[in-house]
Amino acid sequence: MPAPLAYFLTWSTYGSRLHGDDLGSVSRTQNHRGEPFLEPDLQRVDRESSTMSYEPILLTPPMRAVVSKAVEDHAMFRKLRLFAINPRSTHVHVVVGCGDEAPPRPEKVLQEFKSWATRRLRDAGLVRREGPVWSHHGSTRWVNDEEGLYEARNYVLNMQ
């Protein structure tokens, strides 16, 4: 299988999307493309919220600027082409090119973006020093052609 043209990566802030909320979510076992989201379940939301060790994180405009810069800097460091980035209050979308060489796995790129953003947010004093900033993992989609790249970029830049 040929290398993808790009990755469309999305990850959420800690506690902003709980399983069972009205926005829909996926679980570790029900997460394949095309599968339906988990059904809304207020009891599950309450259970998950009661087990959280920290308050949920919502990204403010200054925090979003720090996240954008961290992702831009890491893409430059890795020599990856950044097609689009859009940090929102509860999640971050990135479309990043994979380059001509064998690309790193999308999970690795996503984790590195999250790590760089966390470090920069902490260094700026914008998030707590301990505890998670992001939810576990995120969404990693392959973009295999120019049409898919256009659609992913358009979604990230214009549909939020």
C-alpha atoms as a PDB file:
ATOM      1  CA  MET A   1       0.000   0.000   0.000  1.00  0.00           C
ATOM      2  CA  PRO A   2       1.442   3.409  -0.939  1.00  0.00           C
ATOM      3  CA  ALA A   3       2.225   5.953   1.756  1.00  0.00           C
ATOM      4  CA  PRO A   4      -0.584   8.414   2.471  1.00  0.00           C
ATOM      5  CA  LEU A   5      -0.421  11.968   1.180  1.00  0.00           C
ATOM      6  CA  ALA A   6      -1.212  13.352   4.637  1.00  0.00           C
ATOM      7  CA  TYR A   7      -2.674  12.591   8.041  1.00  0.00           C
ATOM      8  CA  PHE A   8      -5.802  14.220   9.460  1.00  0.00           C
ATOM      9  CA  LEU A   9      -5.245  14.211  13.217  1.00  0.00           C
ATOM     10  CA  THR A  10      -7.693  15.231  15.933  1.00  0.00           C
ATOM     11  CA  TRP A  11      -7.344  15.100  19.698  1.00  0.00           C
ATOM     12  CA  SER A  12      -9.401  16.417  22.601  1.00  0.00           C
ATOM     13  CA  THR A  13      -8.573  18.200  25.801  1.00  0.00           C
ATOM     14  CA  TYR A  14      -8.753  16.307  29.076  1.00  0.00           C
ATOM     15  CA  GLY A  15     -12.324  15.854  30.307  1.00  0.00           C
ATOM     16  CA  SER A  16     -13.978  17.794  27.482  1.00  0.00           C
ATOM     17  CA  ARG A  17     -15.482  14.750  25.758  1.00  0.00           C
ATOM     18  CA  LEU A  18     -16.739  11.969  27.986  1.00  0.00           C
ATOM     19  CA  HIS A  19     -18.158   8.683  26.769  1.00  0.00           C
ATOM     20  CA  GLY A  20     -21.920   8.958  26.615  1.00  0.00           C
ATOM     21  CA  ASP A  21     -22.117  12.734  26.059  1.00  0.00           C
ATOM     22  CA  ASP A  22     -24.516  14.198  23.496  1.00  0.00           C
ATOM     23  CA  LEU A  23     -21.723  14.958  21.016  1.00  0.00           C
ATOM     24  CA  GLY A  24     -21.027  11.273  20.523  1.00  0.00           C
ATOM     25  CA  SER A  25     -17.818   9.425  21.174  1.00  0.00           C
ATOM     26  CA  VAL A  26     -16.042   6.194  20.401  1.00  0.00           C
ATOM     27  CA  SER A  27     -14.599   3.604  22.740  1.00  0.00           C
ATOM     28  CA  ARG A  28     -11.371   1.656  22.495  1.00  0.00           C
ATOM     29  CA  THR A  29     -13.311  -1.281  21.052  1.00  0.00           C
ATOM     30  CA  GLN A  30     -15.875   0.617  18.953  1.00  0.00           C
ATOM     31  CA  ASN A  31     -13.692   2.997  16.986  1.00  0.00           C
ATOM     32  CA  HIS A  32     -13.390   1.871  13.382  1.00  0.00           C
ATOM     33  CA  ARG A  33     -14.259   4.175  10.513  1.00  0.00           C
ATOM     34  CA  GLY A  34     -17.949   4.024   9.680  1.00  0.00           C
ATOM     35  CA  GLU A  35     -19.012   2.573  13.028  1.00  0.00           C
ATOM     36  CA  PRO A  36     -21.708   4.539  14.841  1.00  0.00           C
ATOM     37  CA  PHE A  37     -20.849   6.685  17.838  1.00  0.00           C
ATOM     38  CA  LEU A  38     -21.740   5.463  21.289  1.00  0.00           C
ATOM     39  CA  GLU A  39     -25.301   6.257  22.279  1.00  0.00           C
ATOM     40  CA  PRO A  40     -25.858   9.189  24.656  1.00  0.00           C
ATOM     41  CA  ASP A  41     -25.822   7.914  28.245  1.00  0.00           C
ATOM     42  CA  LEU A  42     -26.034  10.509  31.037  1.00  0.00           C
ATOM     43  CA  GLN A  43     -25.310   7.914  33.718  1.00  0.00           C
ATOM     44  CA  ARG A  44     -22.062   7.001  31.976  1.00  0.00           C
ATOM     45  CA  VAL A  45     -21.129  10.686  31.707  1.00  0.00           C
ATOM     46  CA  ASP A  46     -21.761  11.071  35.449  1.00  0.00           C
ATOM     47  CA  ARG A  47     -19.669   7.965  36.255  1.00  0.00           C
ATOM     48  CA  GLU A  48     -16.779   9.116  34.092  1.00  0.00           C
ATOM     49  CA  SER A  49     -16.894  12.635  35.428  1.00  0.00           C
ATOM     50  CA  SER A  50     -16.827  11.367  39.024  1.00  0.00           C
ATOM     51  CA  THR A  51     -13.618   9.409  38.345  1.00  0.00           C
ATOM     52  CA  MET A  52     -11.716  12.381  36.904  1.00  0.00           C
ATOM     53  CA  SER A  53      -8.756  13.397  39.045  1.00  0.00           C
ATOM     54  CA  TYR A  54      -8.555  16.936  37.632  1.00  0.00           C
ATOM     55  CA  GLU A  55     -10.846  19.599  36.258  1.00  0.00           C
ATOM     56  CA  PRO A  56     -11.548  19.484  32.504  1.00  0.00           C
ATOM     57  CA  ILE A  57      -9.344  21.660  30.318  1.00  0.00           C
ATOM     58  CA  LEU A  58     -10.771  24.181  27.874  1.00  0.00           C
ATOM     59  CA  LEU A  59      -8.341  26.001  25.605  1.00  0.00           C
ATOM     60  CA  THR A  60      -8.549  29.794  25.802  1.00  0.00           C
ATOM     61  CA  PRO A  61      -7.414  31.983  22.878  1.00  0.00           C
ATOM     62  CA  PRO A  62      -3.887  32.405  24.360  1.00  0.00           C
ATOM     63  CA  MET A  63      -3.668  28.635  24.928  1.00  0.00           C
ATOM     64  CA  ARG A  64      -4.777  27.962  21.343  1.00  0.00           C
ATOM     65  CA  ALA A  65      -2.044  30.283  20.056  1.00  0.00           C
ATOM     66  CA  VAL A  66       0.567  28.347  22.058  1.00  0.00           C
ATOM     67  CA  VAL A  67      -0.741  25.022  20.733  1.00  0.00           C
ATOM     68  CA  SER A  68      -0.638  26.314  17.134  1.00  0.00           C
ATOM     69  CA  LYS A  69       2.940  27.498  17.502  1.00  0.00           C
ATOM     70  CA  ALA A  70       4.032  24.228  19.135  1.00  0.00           C
ATOM     71  CA  VAL A  71       2.519  22.167  16.312  1.00  0.00           C
ATOM     72  CA  GLU A  72       4.046  24.464  13.672  1.00  0.00           C
ATOM     73  CA  ASP A  73       7.463  24.235  15.329  1.00  0.00           C
ATOM     74  CA  HIS A  74       7.315  20.460  15.639  1.00  0.00           C
ATOM     75  CA  ALA A  75       6.215  20.020  12.024  1.00  0.00           C
ATOM     76  CA  MET A  76       9.184  22.171  10.965  1.00  0.00           C
ATOM     77  CA  PHE A  77      11.532  20.176  13.228  1.00  0.00           C
ATOM     78  CA  ARG A  78      10.258  16.889  11.727  1.00  0.00           C
ATOM     79  CA  LYS A  79      10.266  18.361   8.193  1.00  0.00           C
ATOM     80  CA  LEU A  80       6.555  17.632   7.825  1.00  0.00           C
ATOM     81  CA  ARG A  81       4.365  19.917   5.740  1.00  0.00           C
ATOM     82  CA  LEU A  82       1.633  21.477   7.827  1.00  0.00           C
ATOM     83  CA  PHE A  83      -1.433  21.910   5.612  1.00  0.00           C
ATOM     84  CA  ALA A  84      -3.852  23.107   8.296  1.00  0.00           C
ATOM     85  CA  ILE A  85      -4.196  23.525  12.043  1.00  0.00           C
ATOM     86  CA  ASN A  86      -7.157  24.690  14.083  1.00  0.00           C
ATOM     87  CA  PRO A  87      -7.067  24.461  17.860  1.00  0.00           C
ATOM     88  CA  ARG A  88     -10.580  24.843  19.275  1.00  0.00           C
ATOM     89  CA  SER A  89     -11.639  25.151  22.905  1.00  0.00           C
ATOM     90  CA  THR A  90     -12.104  21.380  23.360  1.00  0.00           C
ATOM     91  CA  HIS A  91     -10.041  19.798  20.587  1.00  0.00           C
ATOM     92  CA  VAL A  92      -7.321  20.314  17.988  1.00  0.00           C
ATOM     93  CA  HIS A  93      -7.425  19.470  14.264  1.00  0.00           C
ATOM     94  CA  VAL A  94      -4.235  19.113  12.208  1.00  0.00           C
ATOM     95  CA  VAL A  95      -3.666  18.099   8.597  1.00  0.00           C
ATOM     96  CA  VAL A  96      -0.014  17.284   8.102  1.00  0.00           C
ATOM     97  CA  GLY A  97       1.847  15.994   5.052  1.00  0.00           C
ATOM     98  CA  CYS A  98       3.810  12.807   5.369  1.00  0.00           C
ATOM     99  CA  GLY A  99       6.776  13.703   3.177  1.00  0.00           C
ATOM    100  CA  ASP A 100       8.489  11.621   0.504  1.00  0.00           C
ATOM    101  CA  GLU A 101      10.368   9.348   2.876  1.00  0.00           C
ATOM    102  CA  ALA A 102       8.636   6.570   4.776  1.00  0.00           C
ATOM    103  CA  PRO A 103       6.379   8.624   7.049  1.00  0.00           C
ATOM    104  CA  PRO A 104       6.236   8.097  10.781  1.00  0.00           C
ATOM    105  CA  ARG A 105       3.075   6.363  11.969  1.00  0.00           C
ATOM    106  CA  PRO A 106       0.204   8.810  12.514  1.00  0.00           C
ATOM    107  CA  GLU A 107      -0.020   7.780  16.176  1.00  0.00           C
ATOM    108  CA  LYS A 108       3.602   8.849  16.661  1.00  0.00           C
ATOM    109  CA  VAL A 109       3.031  12.219  14.971  1.00  0.00           C
ATOM    110  CA  LEU A 110      -0.123  12.815  17.035  1.00  0.00           C
ATOM    111  CA  GLN A 111       1.664  11.921  20.283  1.00  0.00           C
ATOM    112  CA  GLU A 112       4.583  14.202  19.470  1.00  0.00           C
ATOM    113  CA  PHE A 113       2.262  17.129  18.680  1.00  0.00           C
ATOM    114  CA  LYS A 114       0.470  16.578  21.990  1.00  0.00           C
ATOM    115  CA  SER A 115       3.777  16.362  23.882  1.00  0.00           C
ATOM    116  CA  TRP A 116       5.209  19.542  22.368  1.00  0.00           C
ATOM    117  CA  ALA A 117       1.949  21.426  22.979  1.00  0.00           C
ATOM    118  CA  THR A 118       1.782  20.214  26.592  1.00  0.00           C
ATOM    119  CA  ARG A 119       5.358  21.281  27.293  1.00  0.00           C
ATOM    120  CA  ARG A 120       4.790  24.729  25.771  1.00  0.00           C
ATOM    121  CA  LEU A 121       1.501  25.237  27.649  1.00  0.00           C
ATOM    122  CA  ARG A 122       3.180  24.298  30.927  1.00  0.00           C
ATOM    123  CA  ASP A 123       6.224  26.463  30.253  1.00  0.00           C
ATOM    124  CA  ALA A 124       3.878  29.400  29.596  1.00  0.00           C
ATOM    125  CA  GLY A 125       2.048  28.726  32.877  1.00  0.00           C
ATOM    126  CA  LEU A 126      -1.239  28.222  31.039  1.00  0.00           C
ATOM    127  CA  VAL A 127      -2.007  24.732  32.351  1.00  0.00           C
ATOM    128  CA  ARG A 128      -1.280  22.919  35.595  1.00  0.00           C
ATOM    129  CA  ARG A 129       2.139  21.278  35.980  1.00  0.00           C
ATOM    130  CA  GLU A 130       0.711  17.865  36.886  1.00  0.00           C
ATOM    131  CA  GLY A 131      -2.013  15.754  35.369  1.00  0.00           C
ATOM    132  CA  PRO A 132      -3.172  15.294  31.807  1.00  0.00           C
ATOM    133  CA  VAL A 133      -3.848  18.081  29.336  1.00  0.00           C
ATOM    134  CA  TRP A 134      -5.234  15.849  26.594  1.00  0.00           C
ATOM    135  CA  SER A 135      -7.525  12.852  26.393  1.00  0.00           C
ATOM    136  CA  HIS A 136      -6.061   9.432  25.694  1.00  0.00           C
ATOM    137  CA  HIS A 137      -4.995   9.029  22.042  1.00  0.00           C
ATOM    138  CA  GLY A 138      -7.093  10.761  19.353  1.00  0.00           C
ATOM    139  CA  SER A 139      -8.247  10.262  15.782  1.00  0.00           C
ATOM    140  CA  THR A 140      -5.713   9.395  13.069  1.00  0.00           C
ATOM    141  CA  ARG A 141      -7.062   9.339   9.533  1.00  0.00           C
ATOM    142  CA  TRP A 142      -5.039   8.798   6.379  1.00  0.00           C
ATOM    143  CA  VAL A 143      -5.530  11.214   3.489  1.00  0.00           C
ATOM    144  CA  ASN A 144      -4.684   9.340   0.314  1.00  0.00           C
ATOM    145  CA  ASP A 145      -5.434  11.740  -2.559  1.00  0.00           C
ATOM    146  CA  GLU A 146      -5.690  15.408  -3.500  1.00  0.00           C
ATOM    147  CA  GLU A 147      -9.493  15.450  -3.152  1.00  0.00           C
ATOM    148  CA  GLY A 148      -9.242  14.050   0.371  1.00  0.00           C
ATOM    149  CA  LEU A 149      -6.561  16.619   1.190  1.00  0.00           C
ATOM    150  CA  TYR A 150      -8.786  19.443  -0.064  1.00  0.00           C
ATOM    151  CA  GLU A 151     -11.719  18.153   1.997  1.00  0.00           C
ATOM    152  CA  ALA A 152      -9.649  17.733   5.167  1.00  0.00           C
ATOM    153  CA  ARG A 153      -8.089  21.211   4.842  1.00  0.00           C
ATOM    154  CA  ASN A 154     -11.460  22.774   4.089  1.00  0.00           C
ATOM    155  CA  TYR A 155     -13.034  21.101   7.113  1.00  0.00           C
ATOM    156  CA  VAL A 156     -10.258  22.211   9.454  1.00  0.00           C
ATOM    157  CA  LEU A 157      -9.981  25.784   8.164  1.00  0.00           C
ATOM    158  CA  ASN A 158     -13.559  26.624   7.217  1.00  0.00           C
ATOM    159  CA  MET A 159     -16.055  24.263   8.827  1.00  0.00           C
ATOM    160  CA  GLN A 160     -15.321  24.775  12.520  1.00  0.00           C
END
